[in-house]
PDB file of all heavy atoms in Angstrom:
ATOM      1  N   PHE A   1      -3.099 -13.567  -3.531  1.00  0.00           N
ATOM      2  CA  PHE A   1      -3.423 -12.766  -4.706  1.00  0.00           C
ATOM      3  C   PHE A   1      -3.393 -13.685  -5.926  1.00  0.00           C
ATOM      4  O   PHE A   1      -2.550 -14.571  -6.039  1.00  0.00           O
ATOM      5  CB  PHE A   1      -2.423 -11.626  -4.867  1.00  0.00           C
ATOM      6  CG  PHE A   1      -2.449 -10.646  -3.726  1.00  0.00           C
ATOM      7  CD1 PHE A   1      -1.435 -10.650  -2.767  1.00  0.00           C
ATOM      8  CD2 PHE A   1      -3.486  -9.737  -3.600  1.00  0.00           C
ATOM      9  CE1 PHE A   1      -1.463  -9.776  -1.697  1.00  0.00           C
ATOM     10  CE2 PHE A   1      -3.519  -8.843  -2.528  1.00  0.00           C
ATOM     11  CZ  PHE A   1      -2.511  -8.867  -1.581  1.00  0.00           C
ATOM     12  N   ALA A   2      -4.295 -13.448  -6.845  1.00  0.00           N
ATOM     13  CA  ALA A   2      -4.408 -14.324  -8.009  1.00  0.00           C
ATOM     14  C   ALA A   2      -3.196 -14.221  -8.924  1.00  0.00           C
ATOM     15  O   ALA A   2      -2.841 -15.172  -9.612  1.00  0.00           O
ATOM     16  CB  ALA A   2      -5.681 -13.995  -8.787  1.00  0.00           C
ATOM     17  N   ASN A   3      -2.542 -13.063  -8.909  1.00  0.00           N
ATOM     18  CA  ASN A   3      -1.381 -12.876  -9.779  1.00  0.00           C
ATOM     19  C   ASN A   3      -0.504 -11.751  -9.247  1.00  0.00           C
ATOM     20  O   ASN A   3      -0.866 -11.069  -8.276  1.00  0.00           O
ATOM     21  CB  ASN A   3      -1.825 -12.591 -11.221  1.00  0.00           C
ATOM     22  CG  ASN A   3      -2.845 -11.464 -11.298  1.00  0.00           C
ATOM     23  OD1 ASN A   3      -2.620 -10.377 -10.753  1.00  0.00           O
ATOM     24  ND2 ASN A   3      -3.979 -11.717 -11.951  1.00  0.00           N
ATOM     25  N   ALA A   4       0.641 -11.574  -9.885  1.00  0.00           N
ATOM     26  CA  ALA A   4       1.608 -10.575  -9.418  1.00  0.00           C
ATOM     27  C   ALA A   4       1.073  -9.157  -9.565  1.00  0.00           C
ATOM     28  O   ALA A   4       1.363  -8.285  -8.730  1.00  0.00           O
ATOM     29  CB  ALA A   4       2.920 -10.739 -10.194  1.00  0.00           C
ATOM     30  N   GLU A   5       0.296  -8.916 -10.615  1.00  0.00           N
ATOM     31  CA  GLU A   5      -0.263  -7.564 -10.803  1.00  0.00           C
ATOM     32  C   GLU A   5      -1.187  -7.197  -9.649  1.00  0.00           C
ATOM     33  O   GLU A   5      -1.175  -6.057  -9.171  1.00  0.00           O
ATOM     34  CB  GLU A   5      -1.028  -7.474 -12.128  1.00  0.00           C
ATOM     35  CG  GLU A   5      -0.170  -7.633 -13.368  1.00  0.00           C
ATOM     36  CD  GLU A   5      -0.217  -9.040 -13.928  1.00  0.00           C
ATOM     37  OE1 GLU A   5      -0.307  -9.998 -13.125  1.00  0.00           O
ATOM     38  OE2 GLU A   5      -0.152  -9.182 -15.162  1.00  0.00           O
ATOM     39  N   ALA A   6      -1.999  -8.157  -9.185  1.00  0.00           N
ATOM     40  CA  ALA A   6      -2.925  -7.883  -8.079  1.00  0.00           C
ATOM     41  C   ALA A   6      -2.158  -7.601  -6.788  1.00  0.00           C
ATOM     42  O   ALA A   6      -2.567  -6.748  -5.986  1.00  0.00           O
ATOM     43  CB  ALA A   6      -3.866  -9.070  -7.895  1.00  0.00           C
ATOM     44  N   PHE A   7      -1.050  -8.309  -6.576  1.00  0.00           N
ATOM     45  CA  PHE A   7      -0.207  -8.084  -5.396  1.00  0.00           C
ATOM     46  C   PHE A   7       0.362  -6.663  -5.436  1.00  0.00           C
ATOM     47  O   PHE A   7       0.290  -5.909  -4.446  1.00  0.00           O
ATOM     48  CB  PHE A   7       0.907  -9.129  -5.383  1.00  0.00           C
ATOM     49  CG  PHE A   7       1.757  -9.163  -4.127  1.00  0.00           C
ATOM     50  CD1 PHE A   7       2.779 -10.116  -4.017  1.00  0.00           C
ATOM     51  CD2 PHE A   7       1.559  -8.292  -3.068  1.00  0.00           C
ATOM     52  CE1 PHE A   7       3.577 -10.171  -2.882  1.00  0.00           C
ATOM     53  CE2 PHE A   7       2.351  -8.347  -1.919  1.00  0.00           C
ATOM     54  CZ  PHE A   7       3.370  -9.284  -1.835  1.00  0.00           C
ATOM     55  N   ALA A   8       0.900  -6.262  -6.580  1.00  0.00           N
ATOM     56  CA  ALA A   8       1.474  -4.920  -6.711  1.00  0.00           C
ATOM     57  C   ALA A   8       0.397  -3.850  -6.511  1.00  0.00           C
ATOM     58  O   ALA A   8       0.637  -2.823  -5.845  1.00  0.00           O
ATOM     59  CB  ALA A   8       2.131  -4.764  -8.083  1.00  0.00           C
ATOM     60  N   ALA A   9      -0.792  -4.083  -7.065  1.00  0.00           N
ATOM     61  CA  ALA A   9      -1.880  -3.109  -6.911  1.00  0.00           C
ATOM     62  C   ALA A   9      -2.290  -2.980  -5.453  1.00  0.00           C
ATOM     63  O   ALA A   9      -2.579  -1.873  -4.972  1.00  0.00           O
ATOM     64  CB  ALA A   9      -3.078  -3.540  -7.764  1.00  0.00           C
ATOM     65  N   ALA A  10      -2.290  -4.095  -4.713  1.00  0.00           N
ATOM     66  CA  ALA A  10      -2.665  -4.062  -3.296  1.00  0.00           C
ATOM     67  C   ALA A  10      -1.668  -3.242  -2.478  1.00  0.00           C
ATOM     68  O   ALA A  10      -2.052  -2.519  -1.548  1.00  0.00           O
ATOM     69  CB  ALA A  10      -2.775  -5.479  -2.749  1.00  0.00           C
ATOM     70  N   ILE A  11      -0.383  -3.349  -2.812  1.00  0.00           N
ATOM     71  CA  ILE A  11       0.636  -2.553  -2.119  1.00  0.00           C
ATOM     72  C   ILE A  11       0.370  -1.067  -2.363  1.00  0.00           C
ATOM     73  O   ILE A  11       0.373  -0.255  -1.421  1.00  0.00           O
ATOM     74  CB  ILE A  11       2.051  -2.943  -2.592  1.00  0.00           C
ATOM     75  CG1 ILE A  11       2.387  -4.370  -2.155  1.00  0.00           C
ATOM     76  CG2 ILE A  11       3.093  -1.964  -2.042  1.00  0.00           C
ATOM     77  CD1 ILE A  11       3.702  -4.891  -2.729  1.00  0.00           C
ATOM     78  N   ARG A  12       0.134  -0.711  -3.612  1.00  0.00           N
ATOM     79  CA  ARG A  12      -0.108   0.704  -3.941  1.00  0.00           C
ATOM     80  C   ARG A  12      -1.358   1.224  -3.237  1.00  0.00           C
ATOM     81  O   ARG A  12      -1.357   2.321  -2.669  1.00  0.00           O
ATOM     82  CB  ARG A  12      -0.266   0.866  -5.465  1.00  0.00           C
ATOM     83  CG  ARG A  12       1.029   0.693  -6.242  1.00  0.00           C
ATOM     84  CD  ARG A  12       0.856   1.134  -7.689  1.00  0.00           C
ATOM     85  NE  ARG A  12      -0.085   0.285  -8.415  1.00  0.00           N
ATOM     86  CZ  ARG A  12       0.257  -0.798  -9.104  1.00  0.00           C
ATOM     87  NH1 ARG A  12       1.522  -1.169  -9.153  1.00  0.00           N
ATOM     88  NH2 ARG A  12      -0.660  -1.496  -9.756  1.00  0.00           N
ATOM     89  N   GLN A  13      -2.427   0.438  -3.249  1.00  0.00           N
ATOM     90  CA  GLN A  13      -3.689   0.880  -2.642  1.00  0.00           C
ATOM     91  C   GLN A  13      -3.559   1.016  -1.129  1.00  0.00           C
ATOM     92  O   GLN A  13      -4.093   1.948  -0.534  1.00  0.00           O
ATOM     93  CB  GLN A  13      -4.794  -0.111  -2.995  1.00  0.00           C
ATOM     94  CG  GLN A  13      -5.191  -0.071  -4.465  1.00  0.00           C
ATOM     95  CD  GLN A  13      -5.989  -1.285  -4.902  1.00  0.00           C
ATOM     96  OE1 GLN A  13      -6.370  -2.121  -4.079  1.00  0.00           O
ATOM     97  NE2 GLN A  13      -6.235  -1.409  -6.198  1.00  0.00           N
ATOM     98  N   ALA A  14      -2.826   0.096  -0.499  1.00  0.00           N
ATOM     99  CA  ALA A  14      -2.664   0.160   0.955  1.00  0.00           C
ATOM    100  C   ALA A  14      -1.943   1.434   1.372  1.00  0.00           C
ATOM    101  O   ALA A  14      -2.300   2.073   2.367  1.00  0.00           O
ATOM    102  CB  ALA A  14      -1.905  -1.067   1.451  1.00  0.00           C
ATOM    103  N   LEU A  15      -0.928   1.800   0.602  1.00  0.00           N
ATOM    104  CA  LEU A  15      -0.135   2.980   0.969  1.00  0.00           C
ATOM    105  C   LEU A  15      -0.798   4.279   0.529  1.00  0.00           C
ATOM    106  O   LEU A  15      -0.421   5.351   0.995  1.00  0.00           O
ATOM    107  CB  LEU A  15       1.265   2.867   0.356  1.00  0.00           C
ATOM    108  CG  LEU A  15       2.087   1.700   0.915  1.00  0.00           C
ATOM    109  CD1 LEU A  15       3.433   1.605   0.224  1.00  0.00           C
ATOM    110  CD2 LEU A  15       2.292   1.853   2.424  1.00  0.00           C
ATOM    111  N   ALA A  16      -1.772   4.180  -0.381  1.00  0.00           N
ATOM    112  CA  ALA A  16      -2.496   5.382  -0.798  1.00  0.00           C
ATOM    113  C   ALA A  16      -3.640   5.710   0.147  1.00  0.00           C
ATOM    114  O   ALA A  16      -4.180   6.821   0.116  1.00  0.00           O
ATOM    115  CB  ALA A  16      -3.047   5.192  -2.210  1.00  0.00           C
ATOM    116  N   ALA A  17      -4.021   4.753   1.016  1.00  0.00           N
ATOM    117  CA  ALA A  17      -5.128   4.967   1.945  1.00  0.00           C
ATOM    118  C   ALA A  17      -4.771   6.056   2.949  1.00  0.00           C
ATOM    119  O   ALA A  17      -3.598   6.236   3.300  1.00  0.00           O
ATOM    120  CB  ALA A  17      -5.457   3.662   2.664  1.00  0.00           C
ATOM    121  N   PRO A  18      -5.750   6.793   3.466  1.00  0.00           N
ATOM    122  CA  PRO A  18      -5.491   7.867   4.430  1.00  0.00           C
ATOM    123  C   PRO A  18      -4.720   7.390   5.655  1.00  0.00           C
ATOM    124  O   PRO A  18      -3.865   8.097   6.171  1.00  0.00           O
ATOM    125  CB  PRO A  18      -6.893   8.347   4.812  1.00  0.00           C
ATOM    126  CG  PRO A  18      -7.739   7.987   3.635  1.00  0.00           C
ATOM    127  CD  PRO A  18      -7.168   6.719   3.085  1.00  0.00           C
ATOM    128  N   ALA A  19      -4.998   6.175   6.118  1.00  0.00           N
ATOM    129  CA  ALA A  19      -4.306   5.673   7.307  1.00  0.00           C
ATOM    130  C   ALA A  19      -2.816   5.562   7.069  1.00  0.00           C
ATOM    131  O   ALA A  19      -2.000   5.881   7.926  1.00  0.00           O
ATOM    132  CB  ALA A  19      -4.876   4.306   7.705  1.00  0.00           C
ATOM    133  N   ALA A  20      -2.450   5.116   5.855  1.00  0.00           N
ATOM    134  CA  ALA A  20      -1.031   4.981   5.549  1.00  0.00           C
ATOM    135  C   ALA A  20      -0.363   6.338   5.478  1.00  0.00           C
ATOM    136  O   ALA A  20       0.778   6.518   5.872  1.00  0.00           O
ATOM    137  CB  ALA A  20      -0.849   4.224   4.230  1.00  0.00           C
ATOM    138  N   ALA A  21      -1.095   7.325   4.969  1.00  0.00           N
ATOM    139  CA  ALA A  21      -0.519   8.654   4.822  1.00  0.00           C
ATOM    140  C   ALA A  21      -0.194   9.288   6.158  1.00  0.00           C
ATOM    141  O   ALA A  21       0.692  10.127   6.264  1.00  0.00           O
ATOM    142  CB  ALA A  21      -1.493   9.544   4.040  1.00  0.00           C
ATOM    143  N   SER A  22      -0.906   8.872   7.207  1.00  0.00           N
ATOM    144  CA  SER A  22      -0.674   9.472   8.520  1.00  0.00           C
ATOM    145  C   SER A  22       0.382   8.737   9.320  1.00  0.00           C
ATOM    146  O   SER A  22       0.671   9.107  10.451  1.00  0.00           O
ATOM    147  CB  SER A  22      -1.985   9.479   9.314  1.00  0.00           C
ATOM    148  OG  SER A  22      -2.409   8.157   9.566  1.00  0.00           O
ATOM    149  N   GLU A  23       0.978   7.667   8.740  1.00  0.00           N
ATOM    150  CA  GLU A  23       2.006   6.933   9.466  1.00  0.00           C
ATOM    151  C   GLU A  23       3.230   7.809   9.686  1.00  0.00           C
ATOM    152  O   GLU A  23       3.549   8.678   8.865  1.00  0.00           O
ATOM    153  CB  GLU A  23       2.421   5.684   8.672  1.00  0.00           C
ATOM    154  CG  GLU A  23       1.384   4.588   8.675  1.00  0.00           C
ATOM    155  CD  GLU A  23       1.106   4.099  10.076  1.00  0.00           C
ATOM    156  OE1 GLU A  23       2.052   3.749  10.791  1.00  0.00           O
ATOM    157  OE2 GLU A  23      -0.066   4.086  10.470  1.00  0.00           O
ATOM    158  N   PRO A  24       3.989   7.601  10.799  1.00  0.00           N
ATOM    159  CA  PRO A  24       5.208   8.364  11.008  1.00  0.00           C
ATOM    160  C   PRO A  24       6.211   8.065   9.914  1.00  0.00           C
ATOM    161  O   PRO A  24       6.230   6.981   9.346  1.00  0.00           O
ATOM    162  CB  PRO A  24       5.715   7.852  12.370  1.00  0.00           C
ATOM    163  CG  PRO A  24       5.047   6.532  12.571  1.00  0.00           C
ATOM    164  CD  PRO A  24       3.726   6.631  11.882  1.00  0.00           C
ATOM    165  N   SER A  25       7.022   9.057   9.587  1.00  0.00           N
ATOM    166  CA  SER A  25       8.021   8.879   8.534  1.00  0.00           C
ATOM    167  C   SER A  25       9.077   7.886   8.977  1.00  0.00           C
ATOM    168  O   SER A  25       9.280   7.672  10.162  1.00  0.00           O
ATOM    169  CB  SER A  25       8.688  10.221   8.201  1.00  0.00           C
ATOM    170  OG  SER A  25       9.333  10.724   9.349  1.00  0.00           O
ATOM    171  N   VAL A  26       9.776   7.302   8.005  1.00  0.00           N
ATOM    172  CA  VAL A  26      10.777   6.297   8.332  1.00  0.00           C
ATOM    173  C   VAL A  26      11.919   6.920   9.114  1.00  0.00           C
ATOM    174  O   VAL A  26      12.217   8.098   8.985  1.00  0.00           O
ATOM    175  CB  VAL A  26      11.326   5.638   7.047  1.00  0.00           C
ATOM    176  CG1 VAL A  26      10.245   4.844   6.366  1.00  0.00           C
ATOM    177  CG2 VAL A  26      11.900   6.667   6.103  1.00  0.00           C
ATOM    178  N   ASP A  27      12.559   6.086   9.929  1.00  0.00           N
ATOM    179  CA  ASP A  27      13.664   6.522  10.770  1.00  0.00           C
ATOM    180  C   ASP A  27      14.762   7.132   9.907  1.00  0.00           C
ATOM    181  O   ASP A  27      15.189   6.548   8.922  1.00  0.00           O
ATOM    182  CB  ASP A  27      14.213   5.299  11.533  1.00  0.00           C
ATOM    183  CG  ASP A  27      15.153   5.710  12.639  1.00  0.00           C
ATOM    184  OD1 ASP A  27      15.980   6.609  12.390  1.00  0.00           O
ATOM    185  OD2 ASP A  27      15.081   5.130  13.733  1.00  0.00           O
TER     186      ASP A  27
END
């Protein structure tokens, strides 16, 4: 990632995707 802001945005976008939403809840 070019900078820390882009890294943080990628984390948010990955978890906002439909696939992430269907993941099993944490133990």
